[in-house]
Amino acid sequence: MKYLKDNLHIILASLIIVGVFVVLYFIRHISPSFAEYLGNLSVDVGVLVLIIFAYEGIKYSINKNHGRALMTKEQAEKIINLYGGAIAQNENAFKCLSTLPCSKGKIRYAYFKFISCYIDDYGSMPEDITENLVTTYSLLDAFVPDEEAKQLNQRQGLIKNHKLDKTNPEDKKLIDEYFFLVTNALANMKYREELHEFIGNCYADKNK
């Protein structure tokens, strides 16, 4: 349907050519010489229209396939908002990977796309928006496979309710492992630095 809408002018032109041929069919019986002249002209025009139609079709196909790898600012913002919703809907430290709106890679790309477009459009990004983006971006590792999230959150409950004994070597190992994982998941400095560096690059490119 989108293809028809985008190429309506080409389709209408083709229909006009068909209409000309129909008219020529009737004129041929009235004035053969005049019909021959119009017939030659219509063929030339018809070939031109068909060439244009084929070109538009090829261009549409290329743009459609190429567009699959692209993302608009609006699409990026939508993905970021959906990702933020996935963070907010689960207060546990670890969250189910299945609740993400798309892959982690696509979410990262959405951040880069939105930030670069925002700075390009407005010249700068407010500090509160920057901090919110950096904070949520750094939480990507909090999303782990669903079963793993369930197990880690159960361990969180055991620690919170003092069901694990720090003096017990096995319990202490579980506690230490949990806090190591949760620290990296909730305060991933690598991701924070990565996004801050990208934002700095966007400013540098804007000011060139």
C-alpha atoms as a PDB file:
ATOM      1  CA  MET A   1       0.000   0.000   0.000  1.00  0.00           C
ATOM      2  CA  LYS A   2       2.855   2.399   0.822  1.00  0.00           C
ATOM      3  CA  TYR A   3       4.474   1.602  -2.515  1.00  0.00           C
ATOM      4  CA  LEU A   4       1.238   2.469  -4.347  1.00  0.00           C
ATOM      5  CA  LYS A   5       0.910   5.712  -2.402  1.00  0.00           C
ATOM      6  CA  ASP A   6       4.525   6.763  -2.983  1.00  0.00           C
ATOM      7  CA  ASN A   7       4.343   6.018  -6.710  1.00  0.00           C
ATOM      8  CA  LEU A   8       0.798   7.122  -7.452  1.00  0.00           C
ATOM      9  CA  HIS A   9       1.976   9.612 -10.071  1.00  0.00           C
ATOM     10  CA  ILE A  10       3.774   6.864 -11.993  1.00  0.00           C
ATOM     11  CA  ILE A  11       0.770   4.562 -11.852  1.00  0.00           C
ATOM     12  CA  LEU A  12      -1.559   7.305 -13.066  1.00  0.00           C
ATOM     13  CA  ALA A  13       0.802   8.086 -15.944  1.00  0.00           C
ATOM     14  CA  SER A  14       0.785   4.420 -16.935  1.00  0.00           C
ATOM     15  CA  LEU A  15      -3.005   4.347 -16.844  1.00  0.00           C
ATOM     16  CA  ILE A  16      -3.087   7.406 -19.085  1.00  0.00           C
ATOM     17  CA  ILE A  17      -0.873   5.609 -21.619  1.00  0.00           C
ATOM     18  CA  VAL A  18      -3.196   2.648 -21.576  1.00  0.00           C
ATOM     19  CA  GLY A  19      -6.068   5.042 -22.136  1.00  0.00           C
ATOM     20  CA  VAL A  20      -4.269   6.546 -25.114  1.00  0.00           C
ATOM     21  CA  PHE A  21      -3.912   3.131 -26.703  1.00  0.00           C
ATOM     22  CA  VAL A  22      -7.605   2.510 -26.225  1.00  0.00           C
ATOM     23  CA  VAL A  23      -8.435   5.845 -27.876  1.00  0.00           C
ATOM     24  CA  LEU A  24      -6.032   5.032 -30.706  1.00  0.00           C
ATOM     25  CA  TYR A  25      -7.884   1.819 -31.332  1.00  0.00           C
ATOM     26  CA  PHE A  26     -11.021   3.788 -32.127  1.00  0.00           C
ATOM     27  CA  ILE A  27      -9.198   6.562 -34.051  1.00  0.00           C
ATOM     28  CA  ARG A  28      -7.567   3.949 -36.300  1.00  0.00           C
ATOM     29  CA  HIS A  29     -10.947   3.240 -37.803  1.00  0.00           C
ATOM     30  CA  ILE A  30     -11.575   6.944 -38.457  1.00  0.00           C
ATOM     31  CA  SER A  31      -8.160   8.253 -39.671  1.00  0.00           C
ATOM     32  CA  PRO A  32      -5.426   5.612 -40.122  1.00  0.00           C
ATOM     33  CA  SER A  33      -2.625   8.146 -40.887  1.00  0.00           C
ATOM     34  CA  PHE A  34      -3.394  10.288 -37.857  1.00  0.00           C
ATOM     35  CA  ALA A  35      -3.663   7.168 -35.737  1.00  0.00           C
ATOM     36  CA  GLU A  36      -0.219   6.043 -36.914  1.00  0.00           C
ATOM     37  CA  TYR A  37       1.317   9.373 -35.855  1.00  0.00           C
ATOM     38  CA  LEU A  38      -0.313   9.278 -32.451  1.00  0.00           C
ATOM     39  CA  GLY A  39       0.593   5.624 -32.111  1.00  0.00           C
ATOM     40  CA  ASN A  40       4.316   6.302 -32.619  1.00  0.00           C
ATOM     41  CA  LEU A  41       4.190   9.195 -30.169  1.00  0.00           C
ATOM     42  CA  SER A  42       2.392   7.177 -27.536  1.00  0.00           C
ATOM     43  CA  VAL A  43       4.861   4.335 -27.841  1.00  0.00           C
ATOM     44  CA  ASP A  44       7.768   6.719 -27.184  1.00  0.00           C
ATOM     45  CA  VAL A  45       5.992   8.209 -24.193  1.00  0.00           C
ATOM     46  CA  GLY A  46       4.945   4.781 -22.978  1.00  0.00           C
ATOM     47  CA  VAL A  47       8.516   3.471 -23.074  1.00  0.00           C
ATOM     48  CA  LEU A  48       9.685   6.541 -21.149  1.00  0.00           C
ATOM     49  CA  VAL A  49       7.025   6.031 -18.504  1.00  0.00           C
ATOM     50  CA  LEU A  50       7.902   2.354 -18.157  1.00  0.00           C
ATOM     51  CA  ILE A  51      11.586   3.230 -17.735  1.00  0.00           C
ATOM     52  CA  ILE A  52      10.716   5.774 -15.041  1.00  0.00           C
ATOM     53  CA  PHE A  53       8.390   3.272 -13.366  1.00  0.00           C
ATOM     54  CA  ALA A  54      11.116   0.601 -13.334  1.00  0.00           C
ATOM     55  CA  TYR A  55      13.641   3.100 -11.948  1.00  0.00           C
ATOM     56  CA  GLU A  56      11.274   4.157  -9.181  1.00  0.00           C
ATOM     57  CA  GLY A  57      10.593   0.521  -8.335  1.00  0.00           C
ATOM     58  CA  ILE A  58      14.286  -0.303  -8.060  1.00  0.00           C
ATOM     59  CA  LYS A  59      14.947   2.832  -6.019  1.00  0.00           C
ATOM     60  CA  TYR A  60      12.073   2.006  -3.663  1.00  0.00           C
ATOM     61  CA  SER A  61      13.389  -1.520  -3.175  1.00  0.00           C
ATOM     62  CA  ILE A  62      16.917  -0.276  -2.425  1.00  0.00           C
ATOM     63  CA  ASN A  63      15.689   2.380   0.002  1.00  0.00           C
ATOM     64  CA  LYS A  64      13.389  -0.094   1.727  1.00  0.00           C
ATOM     65  CA  ASN A  65      16.174  -2.608   2.305  1.00  0.00           C
ATOM     66  CA  HIS A  66      18.654   0.080   3.290  1.00  0.00           C
ATOM     67  CA  GLY A  67      16.119   1.601   5.664  1.00  0.00           C
ATOM     68  CA  ARG A  68      16.017  -1.566   7.742  1.00  0.00           C
ATOM     69  CA  ALA A  69      19.467  -0.686   9.052  1.00  0.00           C
ATOM     70  CA  LEU A  70      18.522   2.907   9.813  1.00  0.00           C
ATOM     71  CA  MET A  71      16.645   4.458  12.692  1.00  0.00           C
ATOM     72  CA  THR A  72      14.981   7.835  12.992  1.00  0.00           C
ATOM     73  CA  LYS A  73      15.229  10.076  16.038  1.00  0.00           C
ATOM     74  CA  GLU A  74      11.557   9.366  16.789  1.00  0.00           C
ATOM     75  CA  GLN A  75      12.082   5.604  16.615  1.00  0.00           C
ATOM     76  CA  ALA A  76      15.148   5.898  18.850  1.00  0.00           C
ATOM     77  CA  GLU A  77      13.212   7.935  21.398  1.00  0.00           C
ATOM     78  CA  LYS A  78      10.417   5.362  21.408  1.00  0.00           C
ATOM     79  CA  ILE A  79      12.857   2.522  22.078  1.00  0.00           C
ATOM     80  CA  ILE A  80      14.509   4.483  24.902  1.00  0.00           C
ATOM     81  CA  ASN A  81      11.118   5.188  26.488  1.00  0.00           C
ATOM     82  CA  LEU A  82      10.100   1.525  26.242  1.00  0.00           C
ATOM     83  CA  TYR A  83      13.422   0.534  27.770  1.00  0.00           C
ATOM     84  CA  GLY A  84      12.842   3.023  30.590  1.00  0.00           C
ATOM     85  CA  GLY A  85       9.447   1.428  31.166  1.00  0.00           C
ATOM     86  CA  ALA A  86      11.082  -1.989  31.436  1.00  0.00           C
ATOM     87  CA  ILE A  87      13.403  -0.598  34.125  1.00  0.00           C
ATOM     88  CA  ALA A  88      10.574   1.016  36.058  1.00  0.00           C
ATOM     89  CA  GLN A  89       8.243  -1.988  36.040  1.00  0.00           C
ATOM     90  CA  ASN A  90      10.642  -4.131  38.063  1.00  0.00           C
ATOM     91  CA  GLU A  91      12.151  -2.831  41.306  1.00  0.00           C
ATOM     92  CA  ASN A  92      14.425  -5.829  41.723  1.00  0.00           C
ATOM     93  CA  ALA A  93      18.124  -5.353  41.099  1.00  0.00           C
ATOM     94  CA  PHE A  94      18.102  -7.875  38.261  1.00  0.00           C
ATOM     95  CA  LYS A  95      15.485  -7.753  35.542  1.00  0.00           C
ATOM     96  CA  CYS A  96      14.293 -10.318  33.025  1.00  0.00           C
ATOM     97  CA  LEU A  97      15.884 -10.026  29.621  1.00  0.00           C
ATOM     98  CA  SER A  98      12.545 -10.893  28.001  1.00  0.00           C
ATOM     99  CA  THR A  99      11.049  -7.580  29.197  1.00  0.00           C
ATOM    100  CA  LEU A 100      13.327  -5.524  26.957  1.00  0.00           C
ATOM    101  CA  PRO A 101      11.616  -4.001  23.902  1.00  0.00           C
ATOM    102  CA  CYS A 102      14.434  -5.220  21.628  1.00  0.00           C
ATOM    103  CA  SER A 103      18.027  -6.420  21.768  1.00  0.00           C
ATOM    104  CA  LYS A 104      20.601  -4.656  23.931  1.00  0.00           C
ATOM    105  CA  GLY A 105      22.551  -3.762  20.813  1.00  0.00           C
ATOM    106  CA  LYS A 106      19.552  -2.005  19.280  1.00  0.00           C
ATOM    107  CA  ILE A 107      18.906  -0.147  22.533  1.00  0.00           C
ATOM    108  CA  ARG A 108      22.510   1.099  22.570  1.00  0.00           C
ATOM    109  CA  TYR A 109      22.156   2.229  18.972  1.00  0.00           C
ATOM    110  CA  ALA A 110      18.936   4.047  19.880  1.00  0.00           C
ATOM    111  CA  TYR A 111      20.816   6.020  22.542  1.00  0.00           C
ATOM    112  CA  PHE A 112      23.550   6.994  20.092  1.00  0.00           C
ATOM    113  CA  LYS A 113      21.022   7.964  17.437  1.00  0.00           C
ATOM    114  CA  PHE A 114      18.820  10.011  19.760  1.00  0.00           C
ATOM    115  CA  ILE A 115      21.733  11.847  21.377  1.00  0.00           C
ATOM    116  CA  SER A 116      23.455  12.688  18.095  1.00  0.00           C
ATOM    117  CA  CYS A 117      20.184  13.943  16.570  1.00  0.00           C
ATOM    118  CA  TYR A 118      19.276  15.937  19.695  1.00  0.00           C
ATOM    119  CA  ILE A 119      22.618  17.726  19.833  1.00  0.00           C
ATOM    120  CA  ASP A 120      22.559  18.277  16.090  1.00  0.00           C
ATOM    121  CA  ASP A 121      19.064  19.810  16.323  1.00  0.00           C
ATOM    122  CA  TYR A 122      19.438  21.893  19.490  1.00  0.00           C
ATOM    123  CA  GLY A 123      23.175  22.388  19.879  1.00  0.00           C
ATOM    124  CA  SER A 124      23.291  21.040  23.430  1.00  0.00           C
ATOM    125  CA  MET A 125      21.521  18.686  25.792  1.00  0.00           C
ATOM    126  CA  PRO A 126      20.179  19.726  29.227  1.00  0.00           C
ATOM    127  CA  GLU A 127      22.094  18.273  32.153  1.00  0.00           C
ATOM    128  CA  ASP A 128      19.065  16.447  33.587  1.00  0.00           C
ATOM    129  CA  ILE A 129      18.348  14.693  30.281  1.00  0.00           C
ATOM    130  CA  THR A 130      22.029  13.808  29.918  1.00  0.00           C
ATOM    131  CA  GLU A 131      22.214  12.307  33.402  1.00  0.00           C
ATOM    132  CA  ASN A 132      18.985  10.368  32.927  1.00  0.00           C
ATOM    133  CA  LEU A 133      20.231   8.905  29.657  1.00  0.00           C
ATOM    134  CA  VAL A 134      23.618   8.011  31.121  1.00  0.00           C
ATOM    135  CA  THR A 135      22.040   6.406  34.202  1.00  0.00           C
ATOM    136  CA  THR A 136      19.542   4.276  32.307  1.00  0.00           C
ATOM    137  CA  TYR A 137      22.132   3.335  29.684  1.00  0.00           C
ATOM    138  CA  SER A 138      24.417   2.055  32.448  1.00  0.00           C
ATOM    139  CA  LEU A 139      21.674  -0.316  33.662  1.00  0.00           C
ATOM    140  CA  LEU A 140      21.679  -2.529  30.576  1.00  0.00           C
ATOM    141  CA  ASP A 141      23.623  -5.274  32.357  1.00  0.00           C
ATOM    142  CA  ALA A 142      20.863  -5.476  34.985  1.00  0.00           C
ATOM    143  CA  PHE A 143      18.868  -7.346  32.339  1.00  0.00           C
ATOM    144  CA  VAL A 144      19.904 -10.975  32.390  1.00  0.00           C
ATOM    145  CA  PRO A 145      18.300 -14.237  31.214  1.00  0.00           C
ATOM    146  CA  ASP A 146      14.971 -14.723  32.965  1.00  0.00           C
ATOM    147  CA  GLU A 147      15.945 -17.753  35.033  1.00  0.00           C
ATOM    148  CA  GLU A 148      19.152 -16.089  36.167  1.00  0.00           C
ATOM    149  CA  ALA A 149      17.227 -12.972  37.175  1.00  0.00           C
ATOM    150  CA  LYS A 150      14.814 -15.107  39.171  1.00  0.00           C
ATOM    151  CA  GLN A 151      17.620 -16.877  41.030  1.00  0.00           C
ATOM    152  CA  LEU A 152      19.565 -13.699  41.783  1.00  0.00           C
ATOM    153  CA  ASN A 153      16.475 -11.885  43.020  1.00  0.00           C
ATOM    154  CA  GLN A 154      15.652 -14.838  45.272  1.00  0.00           C
ATOM    155  CA  ARG A 155      19.163 -14.576  46.666  1.00  0.00           C
ATOM    156  CA  GLN A 156      18.534 -10.863  47.216  1.00  0.00           C
ATOM    157  CA  GLY A 157      15.499 -11.776  49.300  1.00  0.00           C
ATOM    158  CA  LEU A 158      17.519 -14.249  51.368  1.00  0.00           C
ATOM    159  CA  ILE A 159      20.194 -11.630  52.060  1.00  0.00           C
ATOM    160  CA  LYS A 160      17.619  -8.965  52.885  1.00  0.00           C
ATOM    161  CA  ASN A 161      15.837 -11.276  55.339  1.00  0.00           C
ATOM    162  CA  HIS A 162      19.137 -12.453  56.897  1.00  0.00           C
ATOM    163  CA  LYS A 163      18.615 -16.015  55.736  1.00  0.00           C
ATOM    164  CA  LEU A 164      22.258 -16.346  54.719  1.00  0.00           C
ATOM    165  CA  ASP A 165      24.995 -16.549  57.365  1.00  0.00           C
ATOM    166  CA  LYS A 166      28.161 -14.560  56.590  1.00  0.00           C
ATOM    167  CA  THR A 167      30.135 -16.827  58.906  1.00  0.00           C
ATOM    168  CA  ASN A 168      29.248 -19.795  56.730  1.00  0.00           C
ATOM    169  CA  PRO A 169      31.819 -20.053  53.868  1.00  0.00           C
ATOM    170  CA  GLU A 170      29.238 -21.173  51.301  1.00  0.00           C
ATOM    171  CA  ASP A 171      26.733 -18.493  52.289  1.00  0.00           C
ATOM    172  CA  LYS A 172      29.473 -15.859  52.321  1.00  0.00           C
ATOM    173  CA  LYS A 173      30.454 -16.873  48.798  1.00  0.00           C
ATOM    174  CA  LEU A 174      26.846 -16.430  47.621  1.00  0.00           C
ATOM    175  CA  ILE A 175      26.601 -13.038  49.333  1.00  0.00           C
ATOM    176  CA  ASP A 176      29.903 -11.758  47.919  1.00  0.00           C
ATOM    177  CA  GLU A 177      29.049 -12.993  44.454  1.00  0.00           C
ATOM    178  CA  TYR A 178      25.652 -11.303  44.573  1.00  0.00           C
ATOM    179  CA  PHE A 179      27.047  -7.918  45.622  1.00  0.00           C
ATOM    180  CA  PHE A 180      29.767  -8.118  43.000  1.00  0.00           C
ATOM    181  CA  LEU A 181      27.165  -8.763  40.296  1.00  0.00           C
ATOM    182  CA  VAL A 182      24.717  -6.153  41.535  1.00  0.00           C
ATOM    183  CA  THR A 183      27.435  -3.499  41.807  1.00  0.00           C
ATOM    184  CA  ASN A 184      28.409  -4.031  38.193  1.00  0.00           C
ATOM    185  CA  ALA A 185      24.812  -4.183  37.048  1.00  0.00           C
ATOM    186  CA  LEU A 186      23.630  -1.027  38.816  1.00  0.00           C
ATOM    187  CA  ALA A 187      26.734   1.103  38.489  1.00  0.00           C
ATOM    188  CA  ASN A 188      28.443   0.049  35.300  1.00  0.00           C
ATOM    189  CA  MET A 189      31.115   2.713  34.993  1.00  0.00           C
ATOM    190  CA  LYS A 190      32.214   1.372  31.623  1.00  0.00           C
ATOM    191  CA  TYR A 191      28.834   2.200  30.124  1.00  0.00           C
ATOM    192  CA  ARG A 192      28.673   5.576  31.839  1.00  0.00           C
ATOM    193  CA  GLU A 193      32.094   6.535  30.512  1.00  0.00           C
ATOM    194  CA  GLU A 194      31.217   5.192  27.069  1.00  0.00           C
ATOM    195  CA  LEU A 195      28.110   7.357  26.751  1.00  0.00           C
ATOM    196  CA  HIS A 196      29.784  10.443  28.220  1.00  0.00           C
ATOM    197  CA  GLU A 197      32.580  10.009  25.690  1.00  0.00           C
ATOM    198  CA  PHE A 198      30.069   9.690  22.862  1.00  0.00           C
ATOM    199  CA  ILE A 199      28.241  12.836  23.977  1.00  0.00           C
ATOM    200  CA  GLY A 200      31.557  14.684  24.060  1.00  0.00           C
ATOM    201  CA  ASN A 201      32.275  13.529  20.520  1.00  0.00           C
ATOM    202  CA  CYS A 202      28.844  14.797  19.394  1.00  0.00           C
ATOM    203  CA  TYR A 203      29.619  18.230  20.841  1.00  0.00           C
ATOM    204  CA  ALA A 204      33.027  18.245  19.181  1.00  0.00           C
ATOM    205  CA  ASP A 205      31.529  17.360  15.798  1.00  0.00           C
ATOM    206  CA  LYS A 206      28.827  19.999  16.220  1.00  0.00           C
ATOM    207  CA  ASN A 207      31.388  22.713  16.931  1.00  0.00           C
ATOM    208  CA  LYS A 208      33.655  21.924  13.986  1.00  0.00           C
END
